[in-house]
Amino acid sequence: MRSDVPVGSCLSGGLDSSTVVCLASKILKGFGAPRQEVFTSSFPGTAIDEAGYARQVIDATGCAGNFVYPDFSKLEKYLDDIVWHQEEPFGGRVHWRNGW
């Protein structure tokens, strides 16, 4: 939790990230640090959108919420930039359909 810059966390709204954000927020407040920045990807109108849960965590902790709305139609255009910013191989669940 030591940092020269504000602390930020990814917040999906699930149990794991919500627990990390709540604990980190409590620790930061104990040290009088600036409020934690949290970042959430939102997919409105889909079954995978957990933004509502993330908003509940943000409200309960007083964190600064930042929401992004990924557009998968632009993935190919920005893939090189994503890989460059990630700076290392990364994985996740990928669903291969129609050659993608």
PDB file of N, CA and C in Angstrom:
ATOM      1  N   MET A   1       0.815  -1.200   0.000  1.00  0.00           N
ATOM      2  CA  MET A   1       0.000   0.000   0.000  1.00  0.00           C
ATOM      3  C   MET A   1       0.859   1.265   0.000  1.00  0.00           C
ATOM      4  N   ARG A   2       2.176   1.136  -0.046  1.00  0.00           N
ATOM      5  CA  ARG A   2       3.034   2.311  -0.155  1.00  0.00           C
ATOM      6  C   ARG A   2       3.136   2.705  -1.613  1.00  0.00           C
ATOM      7  N   SER A   3       2.944   3.978  -1.880  1.00  0.00           N
ATOM      8  CA  SER A   3       2.957   4.427  -3.257  1.00  0.00           C
ATOM      9  C   SER A   3       3.237   5.916  -3.325  1.00  0.00           C
ATOM     10  N   ASP A   4       3.937   6.315  -4.380  1.00  0.00           N
ATOM     11  CA  ASP A   4       4.183   7.734  -4.627  1.00  0.00           C
ATOM     12  C   ASP A   4       3.038   8.366  -5.413  1.00  0.00           C
ATOM     13  N   VAL A   5       2.129   7.546  -5.878  1.00  0.00           N
ATOM     14  CA  VAL A   5       0.991   7.999  -6.662  1.00  0.00           C
ATOM     15  C   VAL A   5      -0.285   7.460  -6.025  1.00  0.00           C
ATOM     16  N   PRO A   6      -1.429   7.989  -6.372  1.00  0.00           N
ATOM     17  CA  PRO A   6      -2.681   7.468  -5.796  1.00  0.00           C
ATOM     18  C   PRO A   6      -2.848   5.973  -6.090  1.00  0.00           C
ATOM     19  N   VAL A   7      -3.435   5.263  -5.151  1.00  0.00           N
ATOM     20  CA  VAL A   7      -3.657   3.826  -5.298  1.00  0.00           C
ATOM     21  C   VAL A   7      -4.932   3.587  -6.097  1.00  0.00           C
ATOM     22  N   GLY A   8      -4.854   2.664  -7.043  1.00  0.00           N
ATOM     23  CA  GLY A   8      -6.015   2.308  -7.839  1.00  0.00           C
ATOM     24  C   GLY A   8      -6.208   0.809  -7.866  1.00  0.00           C
ATOM     25  N   SER A   9      -7.433   0.381  -8.096  1.00  0.00           N
ATOM     26  CA  SER A   9      -7.758  -1.044  -8.158  1.00  0.00           C
ATOM     27  C   SER A   9      -8.781  -1.290  -9.250  1.00  0.00           C
ATOM     28  N   CYS A  10      -8.737  -2.495  -9.789  1.00  0.00           N
ATOM     29  CA  CYS A  10      -9.793  -2.930 -10.696  1.00  0.00           C
ATOM     30  C   CYS A  10     -10.938  -3.452  -9.830  1.00  0.00           C
ATOM     31  N   LEU A  11     -12.146  -3.086 -10.193  1.00  0.00           N
ATOM     32  CA  LEU A  11     -13.325  -3.507  -9.438  1.00  0.00           C
ATOM     33  C   LEU A  11     -14.365  -4.049 -10.402  1.00  0.00           C
ATOM     34  N   SER A  12     -14.510  -5.381 -10.396  1.00  0.00           N
ATOM     35  CA  SER A  12     -15.494  -5.988 -11.297  1.00  0.00           C
ATOM     36  C   SER A  12     -16.886  -5.971 -10.684  1.00  0.00           C
ATOM     37  N   GLY A  13     -16.941  -5.939  -9.360  1.00  0.00           N
ATOM     38  CA  GLY A  13     -18.220  -6.073  -8.677  1.00  0.00           C
ATOM     39  C   GLY A  13     -18.395  -7.463  -8.097  1.00  0.00           C
ATOM     40  N   GLY A  14     -17.459  -8.357  -8.414  1.00  0.00           N
ATOM     41  CA  GLY A  14     -17.495  -9.705  -7.853  1.00  0.00           C
ATOM     42  C   GLY A  14     -16.922  -9.723  -6.440  1.00  0.00           C
ATOM     43  N   LEU A  15     -16.976 -10.884  -5.812  1.00  0.00           N
ATOM     44  CA  LEU A  15     -16.537 -11.003  -4.419  1.00  0.00           C
ATOM     45  C   LEU A  15     -15.053 -10.704  -4.230  1.00  0.00           C
ATOM     46  N   ASP A  16     -14.201 -11.224  -5.098  1.00  0.00           N
ATOM     47  CA  ASP A  16     -12.756 -11.036  -4.915  1.00  0.00           C
ATOM     48  C   ASP A  16     -12.350  -9.566  -5.003  1.00  0.00           C
ATOM     49  N   SER A  17     -12.701  -8.914  -6.106  1.00  0.00           N
ATOM     50  CA  SER A  17     -12.278  -7.524  -6.269  1.00  0.00           C
ATOM     51  C   SER A  17     -12.977  -6.611  -5.265  1.00  0.00           C
ATOM     52  N   SER A  18     -14.207  -6.914  -4.916  1.00  0.00           N
ATOM     53  CA  SER A  18     -14.920  -6.100  -3.920  1.00  0.00           C
ATOM     54  C   SER A  18     -14.245  -6.188  -2.561  1.00  0.00           C
ATOM     55  N   THR A  19     -13.791  -7.385  -2.196  1.00  0.00           N
ATOM     56  CA  THR A  19     -13.093  -7.563  -0.921  1.00  0.00           C
ATOM     57  C   THR A  19     -11.780  -6.793  -0.912  1.00  0.00           C
ATOM     58  N   VAL A  20     -11.017  -6.891  -1.989  1.00  0.00           N
ATOM     59  CA  VAL A  20      -9.741  -6.168  -2.084  1.00  0.00           C
ATOM     60  C   VAL A  20      -9.969  -4.671  -1.973  1.00  0.00           C
ATOM     61  N   VAL A  21     -10.949  -4.148  -2.698  1.00  0.00           N
ATOM     62  CA  VAL A  21     -11.226  -2.709  -2.670  1.00  0.00           C
ATOM     63  C   VAL A  21     -11.665  -2.260  -1.275  1.00  0.00           C
ATOM     64  N   CYS A  22     -12.536  -3.021  -0.632  1.00  0.00           N
ATOM     65  CA  CYS A  22     -13.000  -2.643   0.713  1.00  0.00           C
ATOM     66  C   CYS A  22     -11.853  -2.633   1.720  1.00  0.00           C
ATOM     67  N   LEU A  23     -11.014  -3.659   1.694  1.00  0.00           N
ATOM     68  CA  LEU A  23      -9.889  -3.720   2.630  1.00  0.00           C
ATOM     69  C   LEU A  23      -8.870  -2.614   2.344  1.00  0.00           C
ATOM     70  N   ALA A  24      -8.544  -2.411   1.068  1.00  0.00           N
ATOM     71  CA  ALA A  24      -7.581  -1.361   0.715  1.00  0.00           C
ATOM     72  C   ALA A  24      -8.111   0.011   1.101  1.00  0.00           C
ATOM     73  N   SER A  25      -9.386   0.244   0.891  1.00  0.00           N
ATOM     74  CA  SER A  25      -9.993   1.522   1.245  1.00  0.00           C
ATOM     75  C   SER A  25      -9.902   1.774   2.745  1.00  0.00           C
ATOM     76  N   LYS A  26     -10.172   0.745   3.531  1.00  0.00           N
ATOM     77  CA  LYS A  26     -10.100   0.864   4.994  1.00  0.00           C
ATOM     78  C   LYS A  26      -8.668   1.189   5.438  1.00  0.00           C
ATOM     79  N   ILE A  27      -7.697   0.511   4.846  1.00  0.00           N
ATOM     80  CA  ILE A  27      -6.292   0.753   5.182  1.00  0.00           C
ATOM     81  C   ILE A  27      -5.883   2.173   4.796  1.00  0.00           C
ATOM     82  N   LEU A  28      -6.250   2.586   3.586  1.00  0.00           N
ATOM     83  CA  LEU A  28      -5.885   3.926   3.116  1.00  0.00           C
ATOM     84  C   LEU A  28      -6.497   5.012   3.990  1.00  0.00           C
ATOM     85  N   LYS A  29      -7.756   4.832   4.373  1.00  0.00           N
ATOM     86  CA  LYS A  29      -8.408   5.819   5.245  1.00  0.00           C
ATOM     87  C   LYS A  29      -7.703   5.891   6.595  1.00  0.00           C
ATOM     88  N   GLY A  30      -7.210   4.758   7.091  1.00  0.00           N
ATOM     89  CA  GLY A  30      -6.502   4.721   8.359  1.00  0.00           C
ATOM     90  C   GLY A  30      -5.211   5.530   8.338  1.00  0.00           C
ATOM     91  N   PHE A  31      -4.623   5.655   7.158  1.00  0.00           N
ATOM     92  CA  PHE A  31      -3.391   6.424   7.005  1.00  0.00           C
ATOM     93  C   PHE A  31      -3.662   7.846   6.522  1.00  0.00           C
ATOM     94  N   GLY A  32      -4.918   8.191   6.328  1.00  0.00           N
ATOM     95  CA  GLY A  32      -5.257   9.522   5.847  1.00  0.00           C
ATOM     96  C   GLY A  32      -4.881   9.753   4.393  1.00  0.00           C
ATOM     97  N   ALA A  33      -4.743   8.675   3.629  1.00  0.00           N
ATOM     98  CA  ALA A  33      -4.372   8.770   2.211  1.00  0.00           C
ATOM     99  C   ALA A  33      -5.571   9.233   1.385  1.00  0.00           C
ATOM    100  N   PRO A  34      -5.289   9.764   0.188  1.00  0.00           N
ATOM    101  CA  PRO A  34      -6.409  10.138  -0.696  1.00  0.00           C
ATOM    102  C   PRO A  34      -7.279   8.927  -1.009  1.00  0.00           C
ATOM    103  N   ARG A  35      -8.519   9.193  -1.364  1.00  0.00           N
ATOM    104  CA  ARG A  35      -9.417   8.063  -1.624  1.00  0.00           C
ATOM    105  C   ARG A  35      -8.932   7.251  -2.824  1.00  0.00           C
ATOM    106  N   GLN A  36      -9.235   6.002  -2.756  1.00  0.00           N
ATOM    107  CA  GLN A  36      -8.811   5.036  -3.761  1.00  0.00           C
ATOM    108  C   GLN A  36      -9.585   5.227  -5.058  1.00  0.00           C
ATOM    109  N   GLU A  37      -8.889   5.131  -6.171  1.00  0.00           N
ATOM    110  CA  GLU A  37      -9.511   5.139  -7.489  1.00  0.00           C
ATOM    111  C   GLU A  37      -9.817   3.705  -7.869  1.00  0.00           C
ATOM    112  N   VAL A  38     -11.027   3.442  -8.348  1.00  0.00           N
ATOM    113  CA  VAL A  38     -11.370   2.097  -8.815  1.00  0.00           C
ATOM    114  C   VAL A  38     -11.853   2.181 -10.254  1.00  0.00           C
ATOM    115  N   PHE A  39     -11.587   1.119 -11.008  1.00  0.00           N
ATOM    116  CA  PHE A  39     -11.879   1.082 -12.434  1.00  0.00           C
ATOM    117  C   PHE A  39     -12.713  -0.151 -12.755  1.00  0.00           C
ATOM    118  N   THR A  40     -13.835   0.071 -13.414  1.00  0.00           N
ATOM    119  CA  THR A  40     -14.792  -0.990 -13.698  1.00  0.00           C
ATOM    120  C   THR A  40     -15.163  -0.983 -15.168  1.00  0.00           C
ATOM    121  N   SER A  41     -15.125  -2.149 -15.799  1.00  0.00           N
ATOM    122  CA  SER A  41     -15.646  -2.309 -17.157  1.00  0.00           C
ATOM    123  C   SER A  41     -17.123  -2.640 -17.049  1.00  0.00           C
ATOM    124  N   SER A  42     -17.922  -1.939 -17.815  1.00  0.00           N
ATOM    125  CA  SER A  42     -19.366  -2.156 -17.779  1.00  0.00           C
ATOM    126  C   SER A  42     -19.857  -2.570 -19.160  1.00  0.00           C
ATOM    127  N   PHE A  43     -20.778  -3.512 -19.167  1.00  0.00           N
ATOM    128  CA  PHE A  43     -21.357  -4.030 -20.395  1.00  0.00           C
ATOM    129  C   PHE A  43     -22.875  -3.946 -20.281  1.00  0.00           C
ATOM    130  N   PRO A  44     -23.433  -2.740 -20.364  1.00  0.00           N
ATOM    131  CA  PRO A  44     -24.870  -2.546 -20.139  1.00  0.00           C
ATOM    132  C   PRO A  44     -25.741  -3.460 -20.999  1.00  0.00           C
ATOM    133  N   GLY A  45     -26.787  -3.970 -20.363  1.00  0.00           N
ATOM    134  CA  GLY A  45     -27.753  -4.797 -21.080  1.00  0.00           C
ATOM    135  C   GLY A  45     -27.320  -6.230 -21.313  1.00  0.00           C
ATOM    136  N   THR A  46     -26.190  -6.640 -20.709  1.00  0.00           N
ATOM    137  CA  THR A  46     -25.730  -8.015 -20.884  1.00  0.00           C
ATOM    138  C   THR A  46     -25.756  -8.741 -19.538  1.00  0.00           C
ATOM    139  N   ALA A  47     -25.702 -10.056 -19.606  1.00  0.00           N
ATOM    140  CA  ALA A  47     -25.711 -10.864 -18.389  1.00  0.00           C
ATOM    141  C   ALA A  47     -24.399 -10.752 -17.616  1.00  0.00           C
ATOM    142  N   ILE A  48     -23.336 -10.279 -18.261  1.00  0.00           N
ATOM    143  CA  ILE A  48     -22.037 -10.195 -17.586  1.00  0.00           C
ATOM    144  C   ILE A  48     -21.791  -8.836 -16.932  1.00  0.00           C
ATOM    145  N   ASP A  49     -22.718  -7.919 -17.028  1.00  0.00           N
ATOM    146  CA  ASP A  49     -22.523  -6.587 -16.450  1.00  0.00           C
ATOM    147  C   ASP A  49     -22.720  -6.618 -14.937  1.00  0.00           C
ATOM    148  N   GLU A  50     -21.640  -6.341 -14.199  1.00  0.00           N
ATOM    149  CA  GLU A  50     -21.705  -6.301 -12.742  1.00  0.00           C
ATOM    150  C   GLU A  50     -21.529  -4.887 -12.212  1.00  0.00           C
ATOM    151  N   ALA A  51     -21.779  -3.903 -13.061  1.00  0.00           N
ATOM    152  CA  ALA A  51     -21.582  -2.505 -12.665  1.00  0.00           C
ATOM    153  C   ALA A  51     -22.445  -2.117 -11.467  1.00  0.00           C
ATOM    154  N   GLY A  52     -23.627  -2.677 -11.356  1.00  0.00           N
ATOM    155  CA  GLY A  52     -24.502  -2.380 -10.216  1.00  0.00           C
ATOM    156  C   GLY A  52     -23.864  -2.785  -8.897  1.00  0.00           C
ATOM    157  N   TYR A  53     -23.215  -3.940  -8.894  1.00  0.00           N
ATOM    158  CA  TYR A  53     -22.517  -4.390  -7.687  1.00  0.00           C
ATOM    159  C   TYR A  53     -21.314  -3.498  -7.405  1.00  0.00           C
ATOM    160  N   ALA A  54     -20.605  -3.122  -8.460  1.00  0.00           N
ATOM    161  CA  ALA A  54     -19.448  -2.238  -8.288  1.00  0.00           C
ATOM    162  C   ALA A  54     -19.888  -0.899  -7.706  1.00  0.00           C
ATOM    163  N   ARG A  55     -21.014  -0.375  -8.173  1.00  0.00           N
ATOM    164  CA  ARG A  55     -21.517   0.908  -7.646  1.00  0.00           C
ATOM    165  C   ARG A  55     -21.841   0.801  -6.150  1.00  0.00           C
ATOM    166  N   GLN A  56     -22.347  -0.338  -5.722  1.00  0.00           N
ATOM    167  CA  GLN A  56     -22.628  -0.529  -4.297  1.00  0.00           C
ATOM    168  C   GLN A  56     -21.340  -0.475  -3.475  1.00  0.00           C
ATOM    169  N   VAL A  57     -20.272  -1.080  -3.981  1.00  0.00           N
ATOM    170  CA  VAL A  57     -18.981  -1.043  -3.288  1.00  0.00           C
ATOM    171  C   VAL A  57     -18.441   0.386  -3.274  1.00  0.00           C
ATOM    172  N   ILE A  58     -18.552   1.082  -4.381  1.00  0.00           N
ATOM    173  CA  ILE A  58     -18.090   2.471  -4.473  1.00  0.00           C
ATOM    174  C   ILE A  58     -18.836   3.342  -3.471  1.00  0.00           C
ATOM    175  N   ASP A  59     -20.149   3.190  -3.403  1.00  0.00           N
ATOM    176  CA  ASP A  59     -20.952   3.969  -2.451  1.00  0.00           C
ATOM    177  C   ASP A  59     -20.583   3.649  -1.004  1.00  0.00           C
ATOM    178  N   ALA A  60     -20.340   2.375  -0.714  1.00  0.00           N
ATOM    179  CA  ALA A  60     -20.038   1.959   0.661  1.00  0.00           C
ATOM    180  C   ALA A  60     -18.651   2.402   1.116  1.00  0.00           C
ATOM    181  N   THR A  61     -17.707   2.520   0.173  1.00  0.00           N
ATOM    182  CA  THR A  61     -16.329   2.841   0.540  1.00  0.00           C
ATOM    183  C   THR A  61     -15.955   4.304   0.311  1.00  0.00           C
ATOM    184  N   GLY A  62     -16.709   4.988  -0.523  1.00  0.00           N
ATOM    185  CA  GLY A  62     -16.349   6.365  -0.864  1.00  0.00           C
ATOM    186  C   GLY A  62     -15.231   6.451  -1.878  1.00  0.00           C
ATOM    187  N   CYS A  63     -14.925   5.334  -2.543  1.00  0.00           N
ATOM    188  CA  CYS A  63     -13.888   5.337  -3.573  1.00  0.00           C
ATOM    189  C   CYS A  63     -14.329   6.181  -4.768  1.00  0.00           C
ATOM    190  N   ALA A  64     -13.363   6.595  -5.564  1.00  0.00           N
ATOM    191  CA  ALA A  64     -13.658   7.333  -6.794  1.00  0.00           C
ATOM    192  C   ALA A  64     -13.855   6.309  -7.911  1.00  0.00           C
ATOM    193  N   GLY A  65     -15.084   6.188  -8.397  1.00  0.00           N
ATOM    194  CA  GLY A  65     -15.402   5.204  -9.422  1.00  0.00           C
ATOM    195  C   GLY A  65     -15.150   5.727 -10.822  1.00  0.00           C
ATOM    196  N   ASN A  66     -14.542   4.888 -11.640  1.00  0.00           N
ATOM    197  CA  ASN A  66     -14.277   5.194 -13.046  1.00  0.00           C
ATOM    198  C   ASN A  66     -14.804   4.024 -13.870  1.00  0.00           C
ATOM    199  N   PHE A  67     -15.740   4.281 -14.751  1.00  0.00           N
ATOM    200  CA  PHE A  67     -16.343   3.224 -15.559  1.00  0.00           C
ATOM    201  C   PHE A  67     -15.917   3.360 -17.012  1.00  0.00           C
ATOM    202  N   VAL A  68     -15.610   2.222 -17.622  1.00  0.00           N
ATOM    203  CA  VAL A  68     -15.312   2.175 -19.049  1.00  0.00           C
ATOM    204  C   VAL A  68     -16.314   1.227 -19.689  1.00  0.00           C
ATOM    205  N   TYR A  69     -16.581   1.458 -20.961  1.00  0.00           N
ATOM    206  CA  TYR A  69     -17.579   0.677 -21.694  1.00  0.00           C
ATOM    207  C   TYR A  69     -16.916   0.112 -22.951  1.00  0.00           C
ATOM    208  N   PRO A  70     -16.244  -1.045 -22.822  1.00  0.00           N
ATOM    209  CA  PRO A  70     -15.508  -1.614 -23.953  1.00  0.00           C
ATOM    210  C   PRO A  70     -16.404  -1.872 -25.151  1.00  0.00           C
ATOM    211  N   ASP A  71     -15.847  -1.619 -26.311  1.00  0.00           N
ATOM    212  CA  ASP A  71     -16.533  -1.848 -27.581  1.00  0.00           C
ATOM    213  C   ASP A  71     -15.729  -2.903 -28.330  1.00  0.00           C
ATOM    214  N   PHE A  72     -16.206  -4.146 -28.317  1.00  0.00           N
ATOM    215  CA  PHE A  72     -15.454  -5.237 -28.902  1.00  0.00           C
ATOM    216  C   PHE A  72     -15.272  -5.094 -30.407  1.00  0.00           C
ATOM    217  N   SER A  73     -16.092  -4.283 -31.063  1.00  0.00           N
ATOM    218  CA  SER A  73     -15.922  -4.088 -32.502  1.00  0.00           C
ATOM    219  C   SER A  73     -14.624  -3.337 -32.807  1.00  0.00           C
ATOM    220  N   LYS A  74     -14.036  -2.698 -31.803  1.00  0.00           N
ATOM    221  CA  LYS A  74     -12.784  -1.952 -32.007  1.00  0.00           C
ATOM    222  C   LYS A  74     -11.567  -2.710 -31.495  1.00  0.00           C
ATOM    223  N   LEU A  75     -11.745  -3.944 -31.028  1.00  0.00           N
ATOM    224  CA  LEU A  75     -10.653  -4.699 -30.432  1.00  0.00           C
ATOM    225  C   LEU A  75      -9.478  -4.863 -31.391  1.00  0.00           C
ATOM    226  N   GLU A  76      -9.737  -5.267 -32.614  1.00  0.00           N
ATOM    227  CA  GLU A  76      -8.656  -5.494 -33.575  1.00  0.00           C
ATOM    228  C   GLU A  76      -7.859  -4.207 -33.817  1.00  0.00           C
ATOM    229  N   LYS A  77      -8.549  -3.085 -33.886  1.00  0.00           N
ATOM    230  CA  LYS A  77      -7.893  -1.798 -34.139  1.00  0.00           C
ATOM    231  C   LYS A  77      -6.921  -1.434 -33.014  1.00  0.00           C
ATOM    232  N   TYR A  78      -7.276  -1.737 -31.759  1.00  0.00           N
ATOM    233  CA  TYR A  78      -6.482  -1.317 -30.606  1.00  0.00           C
ATOM    234  C   TYR A  78      -5.665  -2.436 -29.965  1.00  0.00           C
ATOM    235  N   LEU A  79      -5.672  -3.629 -30.543  1.00  0.00           N
ATOM    236  CA  LEU A  79      -4.999  -4.762 -29.920  1.00  0.00           C
ATOM    237  C   LEU A  79      -3.506  -4.509 -29.706  1.00  0.00           C
ATOM    238  N   ASP A  80      -2.814  -3.924 -30.669  1.00  0.00           N
ATOM    239  CA  ASP A  80      -1.385  -3.631 -30.497  1.00  0.00           C
ATOM    240  C   ASP A  80      -1.150  -2.683 -29.328  1.00  0.00           C
ATOM    241  N   ASP A  81      -1.985  -1.676 -29.181  1.00  0.00           N
ATOM    242  CA  ASP A  81      -1.849  -0.737 -28.059  1.00  0.00           C
ATOM    243  C   ASP A  81      -2.120  -1.425 -26.725  1.00  0.00           C
ATOM    244  N   ILE A  82      -3.117  -2.291 -26.689  1.00  0.00           N
ATOM    245  CA  ILE A  82      -3.450  -3.012 -25.455  1.00  0.00           C
ATOM    246  C   ILE A  82      -2.268  -3.866 -25.017  1.00  0.00           C
ATOM    247  N   VAL A  83      -1.695  -4.616 -25.951  1.00  0.00           N
ATOM    248  CA  VAL A  83      -0.560  -5.482 -25.633  1.00  0.00           C
ATOM    249  C   VAL A  83       0.631  -4.638 -25.180  1.00  0.00           C
ATOM    250  N   TRP A  84       0.895  -3.515 -25.834  1.00  0.00           N
ATOM    251  CA  TRP A  84       2.019  -2.647 -25.458  1.00  0.00           C
ATOM    252  C   TRP A  84       1.827  -2.111 -24.042  1.00  0.00           C
ATOM    253  N   HIS A  85       0.643  -1.642 -23.696  1.00  0.00           N
ATOM    254  CA  HIS A  85       0.389  -1.101 -22.359  1.00  0.00           C
ATOM    255  C   HIS A  85       0.409  -2.184 -21.284  1.00  0.00           C
ATOM    256  N   GLN A  86       0.017  -3.393 -21.627  1.00  0.00           N
ATOM    257  CA  GLN A  86       0.024  -4.488 -20.654  1.00  0.00           C
ATOM    258  C   GLN A  86       1.459  -4.864 -20.295  1.00  0.00           C
ATOM    259  N   GLU A  87       2.372  -4.733 -21.228  1.00  0.00           N
ATOM    260  CA  GLU A  87       3.814  -4.973 -21.061  1.00  0.00           C
ATOM    261  C   GLU A  87       4.193  -6.415 -20.750  1.00  0.00           C
ATOM    262  N   GLU A  88       3.289  -7.337 -20.855  1.00  0.00           N
ATOM    263  CA  GLU A  88       3.603  -8.745 -20.632  1.00  0.00           C
ATOM    264  C   GLU A  88       2.449  -9.578 -21.175  1.00  0.00           C
ATOM    265  N   PRO A  89       2.691 -10.855 -21.391  1.00  0.00           N
ATOM    266  CA  PRO A  89       1.572 -11.702 -21.836  1.00  0.00           C
ATOM    267  C   PRO A  89       0.463 -11.717 -20.789  1.00  0.00           C
ATOM    268  N   PHE A  90      -0.746 -11.769 -21.221  1.00  0.00           N
ATOM    269  CA  PHE A  90      -1.866 -11.843 -20.298  1.00  0.00           C
ATOM    270  C   PHE A  90      -2.911 -12.766 -20.888  1.00  0.00           C
ATOM    271  N   GLY A  91      -3.725 -13.314 -20.039  1.00  0.00           N
ATOM    272  CA  GLY A  91      -4.727 -14.258 -20.504  1.00  0.00           C
ATOM    273  C   GLY A  91      -6.067 -13.976 -19.886  1.00  0.00           C
ATOM    274  N   GLY A  92      -6.986 -14.767 -20.227  1.00  0.00           N
ATOM    275  CA  GLY A  92      -8.334 -14.645 -19.716  1.00  0.00           C
ATOM    276  C   GLY A  92      -9.213 -15.578 -20.513  1.00  0.00           C
ATOM    277  N   ARG A  93     -10.464 -15.531 -20.211  1.00  0.00           N
ATOM    278  CA  ARG A  93     -11.387 -16.374 -20.959  1.00  0.00           C
ATOM    279  C   ARG A  93     -11.648 -15.743 -22.317  1.00  0.00           C
ATOM    280  N   VAL A  94     -11.419 -16.491 -23.351  1.00  0.00           N
ATOM    281  CA  VAL A  94     -11.671 -16.027 -24.709  1.00  0.00           C
ATOM    282  C   VAL A  94     -12.611 -17.028 -25.360  1.00  0.00           C
ATOM    283  N   HIS A  95     -13.619 -16.526 -25.996  1.00  0.00           N
ATOM    284  CA  HIS A  95     -14.564 -17.375 -26.709  1.00  0.00           C
ATOM    285  C   HIS A  95     -14.280 -17.250 -28.185  1.00  0.00           C
ATOM    286  N   TRP A  96     -13.872 -18.343 -28.802  1.00  0.00           N
ATOM    287  CA  TRP A  96     -13.513 -18.342 -30.211  1.00  0.00           C
ATOM    288  C   TRP A  96     -14.746 -18.684 -31.052  1.00  0.00           C
ATOM    289  N   ARG A  97     -15.192 -17.730 -31.811  1.00  0.00           N
ATOM    290  CA  ARG A  97     -16.337 -17.934 -32.695  1.00  0.00           C
ATOM    291  C   ARG A  97     -16.039 -17.259 -34.020  1.00  0.00           C
ATOM    292  N   ASN A  98     -16.495 -17.845 -35.080  1.00  0.00           N
ATOM    293  CA  ASN A  98     -16.404 -17.235 -36.404  1.00  0.00           C
ATOM    294  C   ASN A  98     -14.995 -16.746 -36.728  1.00  0.00           C
ATOM    295  N   GLY A  99     -13.980 -17.538 -36.346  1.00  0.00           N
ATOM    296  CA  GLY A  99     -12.610 -17.176 -36.661  1.00  0.00           C
ATOM    297  C   GLY A  99     -12.008 -16.125 -35.773  1.00  0.00           C
ATOM    298  N   TRP A 100     -12.705 -15.692 -34.724  1.00  0.00           N
ATOM    299  CA  TRP A 100     -12.163 -14.682 -33.795  1.00  0.00           C
ATOM    300  C   TRP A 100     -12.136 -15.224 -32.426  1.00  0.00           C
TER     301      TRP A 100
END
